[in-house]
Amino acid sequence: MRTPDLDRLRSEKKRSLTDFLALYNENLPAAFPKASAELLTEFKSTHTALFPRRGNVWSLDQHRRKVMDWLRSHDALA
């Protein structure tokens, strides 16, 4: 019997903005900009296609890399 892939389950789990924010910033390399609730709200309004119509649902699998890339470009513009 195969054991569940806990890393995959953790990455795909649907989370609130607050939970996603804590996990996103956890163990983030120093070279990467940290996220804040305000920045994630701005990201969400900029990337509406990544979010379902209802709710504020985030997942590491779907959003983490995109947030990293966006924060880098957002940081460069500031």
C-alpha atoms as a PDB file:
ATOM      1  CA  MET A   1       0.000   0.000   0.000  1.00  0.00           C
ATOM      2  CA  ARG A   2       1.289   3.418  -0.952  1.00  0.00           C
ATOM      3  CA  THR A   3       1.564   6.072   1.736  1.00  0.00           C
ATOM      4  CA  PRO A   4       0.145   9.520   1.007  1.00  0.00           C
ATOM      5  CA  ASP A   5       2.521  12.171  -0.303  1.00  0.00           C
ATOM      6  CA  LEU A   6       2.339  14.594   2.616  1.00  0.00           C
ATOM      7  CA  ASP A   7       4.365  17.279   0.834  1.00  0.00           C
ATOM      8  CA  ARG A   8       1.980  17.241  -2.114  1.00  0.00           C
ATOM      9  CA  LEU A   9      -1.073  17.285   0.153  1.00  0.00           C
ATOM     10  CA  ARG A  10       0.384  20.269   2.050  1.00  0.00           C
ATOM     11  CA  SER A  11       1.063  22.127  -1.201  1.00  0.00           C
ATOM     12  CA  GLU A  12      -2.368  21.504  -2.702  1.00  0.00           C
ATOM     13  CA  LYS A  13      -4.398  22.256   0.427  1.00  0.00           C
ATOM     14  CA  LYS A  14      -6.697  25.267   0.100  1.00  0.00           C
ATOM     15  CA  ARG A  15      -5.892  27.967   2.635  1.00  0.00           C
ATOM     16  CA  SER A  16      -6.919  31.414   3.790  1.00  0.00           C
ATOM     17  CA  LEU A  17      -4.780  34.427   2.935  1.00  0.00           C
ATOM     18  CA  THR A  18      -3.437  34.497   6.504  1.00  0.00           C
ATOM     19  CA  ASP A  19      -2.427  30.822   6.451  1.00  0.00           C
ATOM     20  CA  PHE A  20      -0.892  31.135   2.987  1.00  0.00           C
ATOM     21  CA  LEU A  21       1.057  34.217   4.087  1.00  0.00           C
ATOM     22  CA  ALA A  22       2.574  32.400   7.068  1.00  0.00           C
ATOM     23  CA  LEU A  23       3.536  29.365   4.973  1.00  0.00           C
ATOM     24  CA  TYR A  24       4.849  31.492   2.106  1.00  0.00           C
ATOM     25  CA  ASN A  25       7.230  33.430   4.353  1.00  0.00           C
ATOM     26  CA  GLU A  26       8.294  30.318   6.291  1.00  0.00           C
ATOM     27  CA  ASN A  27      11.824  29.217   5.329  1.00  0.00           C
ATOM     28  CA  LEU A  28      11.952  31.760   2.503  1.00  0.00           C
ATOM     29  CA  PRO A  29      15.536  32.372   1.300  1.00  0.00           C
ATOM     30  CA  ALA A  30      16.906  35.773   2.288  1.00  0.00           C
ATOM     31  CA  ALA A  31      17.218  36.793  -1.374  1.00  0.00           C
ATOM     32  CA  PHE A  32      13.441  36.641  -1.855  1.00  0.00           C
ATOM     33  CA  PRO A  33      11.152  39.483  -0.790  1.00  0.00           C
ATOM     34  CA  LYS A  34       8.731  38.680   2.031  1.00  0.00           C
ATOM     35  CA  ALA A  35       5.004  38.920   1.410  1.00  0.00           C
ATOM     36  CA  SER A  36       2.503  40.881   3.464  1.00  0.00           C
ATOM     37  CA  ALA A  37      -1.286  40.749   3.609  1.00  0.00           C
ATOM     38  CA  GLU A  38      -1.436  44.049   1.705  1.00  0.00           C
ATOM     39  CA  LEU A  39       0.825  42.756  -1.075  1.00  0.00           C
ATOM     40  CA  LEU A  40      -1.125  39.511  -1.378  1.00  0.00           C
ATOM     41  CA  THR A  41      -4.367  41.477  -1.632  1.00  0.00           C
ATOM     42  CA  GLU A  42      -2.821  43.544  -4.432  1.00  0.00           C
ATOM     43  CA  PHE A  43      -1.572  40.347  -6.135  1.00  0.00           C
ATOM     44  CA  LYS A  44      -5.068  38.873  -5.944  1.00  0.00           C
ATOM     45  CA  SER A  45      -6.652  41.952  -7.510  1.00  0.00           C
ATOM     46  CA  THR A  46      -4.025  41.902 -10.281  1.00  0.00           C
ATOM     47  CA  HIS A  47      -4.378  38.153 -10.971  1.00  0.00           C
ATOM     48  CA  THR A  48      -8.124  37.569 -10.646  1.00  0.00           C
ATOM     49  CA  ALA A  49      -8.031  34.577 -13.017  1.00  0.00           C
ATOM     50  CA  LEU A  50      -6.077  32.581 -10.408  1.00  0.00           C
ATOM     51  CA  PHE A  51      -8.898  32.771  -7.875  1.00  0.00           C
ATOM     52  CA  PRO A  52     -12.377  31.277  -7.867  1.00  0.00           C
ATOM     53  CA  ARG A  53     -15.353  33.607  -7.918  1.00  0.00           C
ATOM     54  CA  ARG A  54     -16.147  33.099  -4.264  1.00  0.00           C
ATOM     55  CA  GLY A  55     -13.783  33.304  -1.365  1.00  0.00           C
ATOM     56  CA  ASN A  56     -10.189  34.040  -0.703  1.00  0.00           C
ATOM     57  CA  VAL A  57      -8.660  30.619  -1.416  1.00  0.00           C
ATOM     58  CA  TRP A  58      -4.901  30.189  -1.774  1.00  0.00           C
ATOM     59  CA  SER A  59      -2.642  27.148  -2.222  1.00  0.00           C
ATOM     60  CA  LEU A  60       1.127  26.838  -2.212  1.00  0.00           C
ATOM     61  CA  ASP A  61       0.954  24.684  -5.329  1.00  0.00           C
ATOM     62  CA  GLN A  62      -0.973  27.179  -7.426  1.00  0.00           C
ATOM     63  CA  HIS A  63       0.137  30.538  -6.056  1.00  0.00           C
ATOM     64  CA  ARG A  64       3.565  30.430  -4.372  1.00  0.00           C
ATOM     65  CA  ARG A  65       5.787  30.593  -7.468  1.00  0.00           C
ATOM     66  CA  LYS A  66       3.561  33.206  -9.104  1.00  0.00           C
ATOM     67  CA  VAL A  67       3.656  35.355  -5.966  1.00  0.00           C
ATOM     68  CA  MET A  68       7.461  35.043  -5.832  1.00  0.00           C
ATOM     69  CA  ASP A  69       7.819  36.201  -9.430  1.00  0.00           C
ATOM     70  CA  TRP A  70       5.295  38.996  -8.960  1.00  0.00           C
ATOM     71  CA  LEU A  71       6.948  40.248  -5.763  1.00  0.00           C
ATOM     72  CA  ARG A  72      10.323  40.415  -7.497  1.00  0.00           C
ATOM     73  CA  SER A  73       8.921  42.470 -10.363  1.00  0.00           C
ATOM     74  CA  HIS A  74       6.785  44.534  -7.967  1.00  0.00           C
ATOM     75  CA  ASP A  75       9.889  45.206  -5.827  1.00  0.00           C
ATOM     76  CA  ALA A  76      11.826  46.298  -8.928  1.00  0.00           C
ATOM     77  CA  LEU A  77       9.107  48.818  -9.794  1.00  0.00           C
ATOM     78  CA  ALA A  78       9.033  50.341  -6.297  1.00  0.00           C
END
